Amino acid sequence: QVQLSESGGGSVQAGGSLTLSCAGSEVSTTGYPYSLYCLGWFRQAPGKEREAVAEIDTAGKIVYAGSLQDRFTLTRDNAEKTLYLQMNNLEPEDSATYYCAAGRGRACWLQLQPNYMNYWGKGTLVTISS
């Protein structure tokens, strides 16, 4: 089991940048280490369903939703047990609560399915003004 905590959200104008961080920690020393979890960022805007932003597996393979890879960069640092999301050229449509998630098994299929993830953080709010 792993616990996740997001940070880095805030309010910026369109065209600006933000970097989100997700710090992870293993709940038990007898479970899987952080490095063996597949990770992802998801977002949910008011009134909309939660959607995937990007996922990364344990080997470092990354999948982005749609054309977000043109503006977003996902990285993981296993030594620091932290997942990052660098977001550039932000648009008002990017406004949402951003969640990081972790999982094993089908979470590592990188299918961008929120229900494939097992553990979730509480989210960090991103607001982009025009």
C-alpha atoms as a PDB file:
ATOM      1  CA  GLN A   1       0.000   0.000   0.000  1.00  0.00           C
ATOM      2  CA  VAL A   2       1.218   3.511  -0.765  1.00  0.00           C
ATOM      3  CA  GLN A   3       0.123   6.938   0.420  1.00  0.00           C
ATOM      4  CA  LEU A   4       0.194   9.895  -1.953  1.00  0.00           C
ATOM      5  CA  SER A   5       0.193  13.635  -1.344  1.00  0.00           C
ATOM      6  CA  GLU A   6      -0.032  16.250  -4.102  1.00  0.00           C
ATOM      7  CA  SER A   7       1.283  19.800  -4.039  1.00  0.00           C
ATOM      8  CA  GLY A   8       2.060  22.604  -6.431  1.00  0.00           C
ATOM      9  CA  GLY A   9      -1.400  23.646  -7.536  1.00  0.00           C
ATOM     10  CA  GLY A  10      -2.396  27.261  -7.739  1.00  0.00           C
ATOM     11  CA  SER A  11      -3.827  30.018  -9.894  1.00  0.00           C
ATOM     12  CA  VAL A  12      -2.022  31.254 -12.991  1.00  0.00           C
ATOM     13  CA  GLN A  13      -2.921  33.081 -16.156  1.00  0.00           C
ATOM     14  CA  ALA A  14      -3.328  31.360 -19.468  1.00  0.00           C
ATOM     15  CA  GLY A  15       0.040  30.689 -21.046  1.00  0.00           C
ATOM     16  CA  GLY A  16       1.695  30.209 -17.680  1.00  0.00           C
ATOM     17  CA  SER A  17       3.317  27.141 -16.165  1.00  0.00           C
ATOM     18  CA  LEU A  18       2.992  25.031 -13.057  1.00  0.00           C
ATOM     19  CA  THR A  19       4.791  21.988 -11.739  1.00  0.00           C
ATOM     20  CA  LEU A  20       2.814  19.546  -9.656  1.00  0.00           C
ATOM     21  CA  SER A  21       4.484  17.139  -7.253  1.00  0.00           C
ATOM     22  CA  CYS A  22       3.192  13.952  -5.720  1.00  0.00           C
ATOM     23  CA  ALA A  23       5.110  12.582  -2.762  1.00  0.00           C
ATOM     24  CA  GLY A  24       4.680   8.899  -2.086  1.00  0.00           C
ATOM     25  CA  SER A  25       5.352   6.727   0.905  1.00  0.00           C
ATOM     26  CA  GLU A  26       4.908   3.059   1.581  1.00  0.00           C
ATOM     27  CA  VAL A  27       2.513   2.298   4.383  1.00  0.00           C
ATOM     28  CA  SER A  28       4.296  -0.873   5.393  1.00  0.00           C
ATOM     29  CA  THR A  29       7.842  -2.118   5.054  1.00  0.00           C
ATOM     30  CA  THR A  30       6.505  -5.528   4.060  1.00  0.00           C
ATOM     31  CA  GLY A  31       4.648  -4.296   0.982  1.00  0.00           C
ATOM     32  CA  TYR A  32       5.832  -3.335  -2.473  1.00  0.00           C
ATOM     33  CA  PRO A  33       8.360  -0.524  -2.716  1.00  0.00           C
ATOM     34  CA  TYR A  34       7.367   2.724  -4.407  1.00  0.00           C
ATOM     35  CA  SER A  35       9.452   1.869  -7.453  1.00  0.00           C
ATOM     36  CA  LEU A  36       7.208  -1.096  -8.277  1.00  0.00           C
ATOM     37  CA  TYR A  37       4.063   0.994  -8.583  1.00  0.00           C
ATOM     38  CA  CYS A  38       2.800   2.419 -11.811  1.00  0.00           C
ATOM     39  CA  LEU A  39       1.803   6.023 -11.411  1.00  0.00           C
ATOM     40  CA  GLY A  40      -0.365   8.608 -13.045  1.00  0.00           C
ATOM     41  CA  TRP A  41      -1.877  12.062 -12.946  1.00  0.00           C
ATOM     42  CA  PHE A  42      -5.593  12.524 -13.406  1.00  0.00           C
ATOM     43  CA  ARG A  43      -7.817  15.564 -13.269  1.00  0.00           C
ATOM     44  CA  GLN A  44     -11.411  16.379 -12.603  1.00  0.00           C
ATOM     45  CA  ALA A  45     -13.174  19.619 -13.420  1.00  0.00           C
ATOM     46  CA  PRO A  46     -16.445  20.562 -11.716  1.00  0.00           C
ATOM     47  CA  GLY A  47     -19.343  18.652 -13.215  1.00  0.00           C
ATOM     48  CA  LYS A  48     -17.093  16.420 -15.282  1.00  0.00           C
ATOM     49  CA  GLU A  49     -15.764  12.908 -14.917  1.00  0.00           C
ATOM     50  CA  ARG A  50     -12.239  12.249 -13.768  1.00  0.00           C
ATOM     51  CA  GLU A  51      -9.920  11.883 -16.734  1.00  0.00           C
ATOM     52  CA  ALA A  52      -6.381  10.755 -17.234  1.00  0.00           C
ATOM     53  CA  VAL A  53      -3.570  13.179 -17.938  1.00  0.00           C
ATOM     54  CA  ALA A  54      -0.589  10.821 -18.142  1.00  0.00           C
ATOM     55  CA  GLU A  55       0.701   7.553 -16.752  1.00  0.00           C
ATOM     56  CA  ILE A  56       4.118   6.014 -16.263  1.00  0.00           C
ATOM     57  CA  ASP A  57       5.052   2.423 -15.642  1.00  0.00           C
ATOM     58  CA  THR A  58       7.902   0.991 -13.609  1.00  0.00           C
ATOM     59  CA  ALA A  59      10.231   0.933 -16.618  1.00  0.00           C
ATOM     60  CA  GLY A  60       9.647   4.595 -17.343  1.00  0.00           C
ATOM     61  CA  LYS A  61       7.300   4.207 -20.278  1.00  0.00           C
ATOM     62  CA  ILE A  62       4.909   7.155 -20.449  1.00  0.00           C
ATOM     63  CA  VAL A  63       1.518   7.570 -22.072  1.00  0.00           C
ATOM     64  CA  TYR A  64      -0.225  10.926 -22.337  1.00  0.00           C
ATOM     65  CA  ALA A  65      -3.883  11.573 -22.963  1.00  0.00           C
ATOM     66  CA  GLY A  66      -4.599  13.111 -26.326  1.00  0.00           C
ATOM     67  CA  SER A  67      -2.224  15.905 -27.267  1.00  0.00           C
ATOM     68  CA  LEU A  68      -1.287  16.858 -23.709  1.00  0.00           C
ATOM     69  CA  GLN A  69       2.288  15.683 -24.304  1.00  0.00           C
ATOM     70  CA  ASP A  70       2.731  18.831 -26.373  1.00  0.00           C
ATOM     71  CA  ARG A  71       2.454  20.886 -23.200  1.00  0.00           C
ATOM     72  CA  PHE A  72       2.837  18.492 -20.226  1.00  0.00           C
ATOM     73  CA  THR A  73       5.823  16.426 -19.076  1.00  0.00           C
ATOM     74  CA  LEU A  74       5.560  13.554 -16.638  1.00  0.00           C
ATOM     75  CA  THR A  75       8.575  12.343 -14.679  1.00  0.00           C
ATOM     76  CA  ARG A  76       9.155  10.101 -11.694  1.00  0.00           C
ATOM     77  CA  ASP A  77      12.004  10.073  -9.209  1.00  0.00           C
ATOM     78  CA  ASN A  78      12.056   6.746  -7.408  1.00  0.00           C
ATOM     79  CA  ALA A  79      14.878   7.795  -5.101  1.00  0.00           C
ATOM     80  CA  GLU A  80      12.763  10.716  -3.879  1.00  0.00           C
ATOM     81  CA  LYS A  81       9.517   8.735  -4.217  1.00  0.00           C
ATOM     82  CA  THR A  82       8.018  11.657  -6.104  1.00  0.00           C
ATOM     83  CA  LEU A  83       6.009  12.007  -9.285  1.00  0.00           C
ATOM     84  CA  TYR A  84       6.094  15.312 -11.163  1.00  0.00           C
ATOM     85  CA  LEU A  85       3.911  16.922 -13.790  1.00  0.00           C
ATOM     86  CA  GLN A  86       5.387  19.926 -15.562  1.00  0.00           C
ATOM     87  CA  MET A  87       2.605  21.881 -17.245  1.00  0.00           C
ATOM     88  CA  ASN A  88       3.392  24.610 -19.762  1.00  0.00           C
ATOM     89  CA  ASN A  89       1.288  26.949 -21.864  1.00  0.00           C
ATOM     90  CA  LEU A  90      -1.684  26.341 -19.610  1.00  0.00           C
ATOM     91  CA  GLU A  91      -5.190  26.948 -20.895  1.00  0.00           C
ATOM     92  CA  PRO A  92      -8.401  27.730 -19.002  1.00  0.00           C
ATOM     93  CA  GLU A  93      -9.604  24.249 -20.005  1.00  0.00           C
ATOM     94  CA  ASP A  94      -6.814  22.794 -17.870  1.00  0.00           C
ATOM     95  CA  SER A  95      -8.512  24.095 -14.732  1.00  0.00           C
ATOM     96  CA  ALA A  96      -9.339  21.154 -12.476  1.00  0.00           C
ATOM     97  CA  THR A  97      -8.385  19.330  -9.347  1.00  0.00           C
ATOM     98  CA  TYR A  98      -5.362  17.222 -10.193  1.00  0.00           C
ATOM     99  CA  TYR A  99      -4.891  13.858  -8.524  1.00  0.00           C
ATOM    100  CA  CYS A 100      -1.990  11.481  -8.537  1.00  0.00           C
ATOM    101  CA  ALA A 101      -2.603   7.773  -8.350  1.00  0.00           C
ATOM    102  CA  ALA A 102      -0.669   4.548  -8.017  1.00  0.00           C
ATOM    103  CA  GLY A 103      -1.359   0.945  -8.734  1.00  0.00           C
ATOM    104  CA  ARG A 104      -0.091  -2.407  -9.843  1.00  0.00           C
ATOM    105  CA  GLY A 105      -1.455  -5.027 -12.163  1.00  0.00           C
ATOM    106  CA  ARG A 106      -3.722  -3.472 -14.754  1.00  0.00           C
ATOM    107  CA  ALA A 107      -2.622  -0.006 -13.625  1.00  0.00           C
ATOM    108  CA  CYS A 108       0.589  -0.823 -15.508  1.00  0.00           C
ATOM    109  CA  TRP A 109      -1.245  -1.429 -18.771  1.00  0.00           C
ATOM    110  CA  LEU A 110      -1.137   2.354 -19.257  1.00  0.00           C
ATOM    111  CA  GLN A 111      -4.679   2.425 -20.548  1.00  0.00           C
ATOM    112  CA  LEU A 112      -5.438   5.819 -18.964  1.00  0.00           C
ATOM    113  CA  GLN A 113      -8.296   4.333 -16.973  1.00  0.00           C
ATOM    114  CA  PRO A 114      -8.862   5.897 -13.539  1.00  0.00           C
ATOM    115  CA  ASN A 115     -10.550   2.766 -12.258  1.00  0.00           C
ATOM    116  CA  TYR A 116      -7.390   0.749 -12.910  1.00  0.00           C
ATOM    117  CA  MET A 117      -5.546   2.680 -10.190  1.00  0.00           C
ATOM    118  CA  ASN A 118      -5.563   1.494  -6.589  1.00  0.00           C
ATOM    119  CA  TYR A 119      -4.376   4.417  -4.478  1.00  0.00           C
ATOM    120  CA  TRP A 120      -5.174   8.106  -4.736  1.00  0.00           C
ATOM    121  CA  GLY A 121      -4.038  11.366  -3.251  1.00  0.00           C
ATOM    122  CA  LYS A 122      -6.456  14.052  -2.118  1.00  0.00           C
ATOM    123  CA  GLY A 123      -5.765  16.339  -5.040  1.00  0.00           C
ATOM    124  CA  THR A 124      -4.442  19.813  -5.692  1.00  0.00           C
ATOM    125  CA  LEU A 125      -6.447  22.569  -7.353  1.00  0.00           C
ATOM    126  CA  VAL A 126      -5.263  24.221 -10.549  1.00  0.00           C
ATOM    127  CA  THR A 127      -7.054  27.335 -11.792  1.00  0.00           C
ATOM    128  CA  ILE A 128      -6.174  28.974 -15.085  1.00  0.00           C
ATOM    129  CA  SER A 129      -7.585  32.399 -15.847  1.00  0.00           C
ATOM    130  CA  SER A 130      -7.947  33.824 -19.335  1.00  0.00           C
END
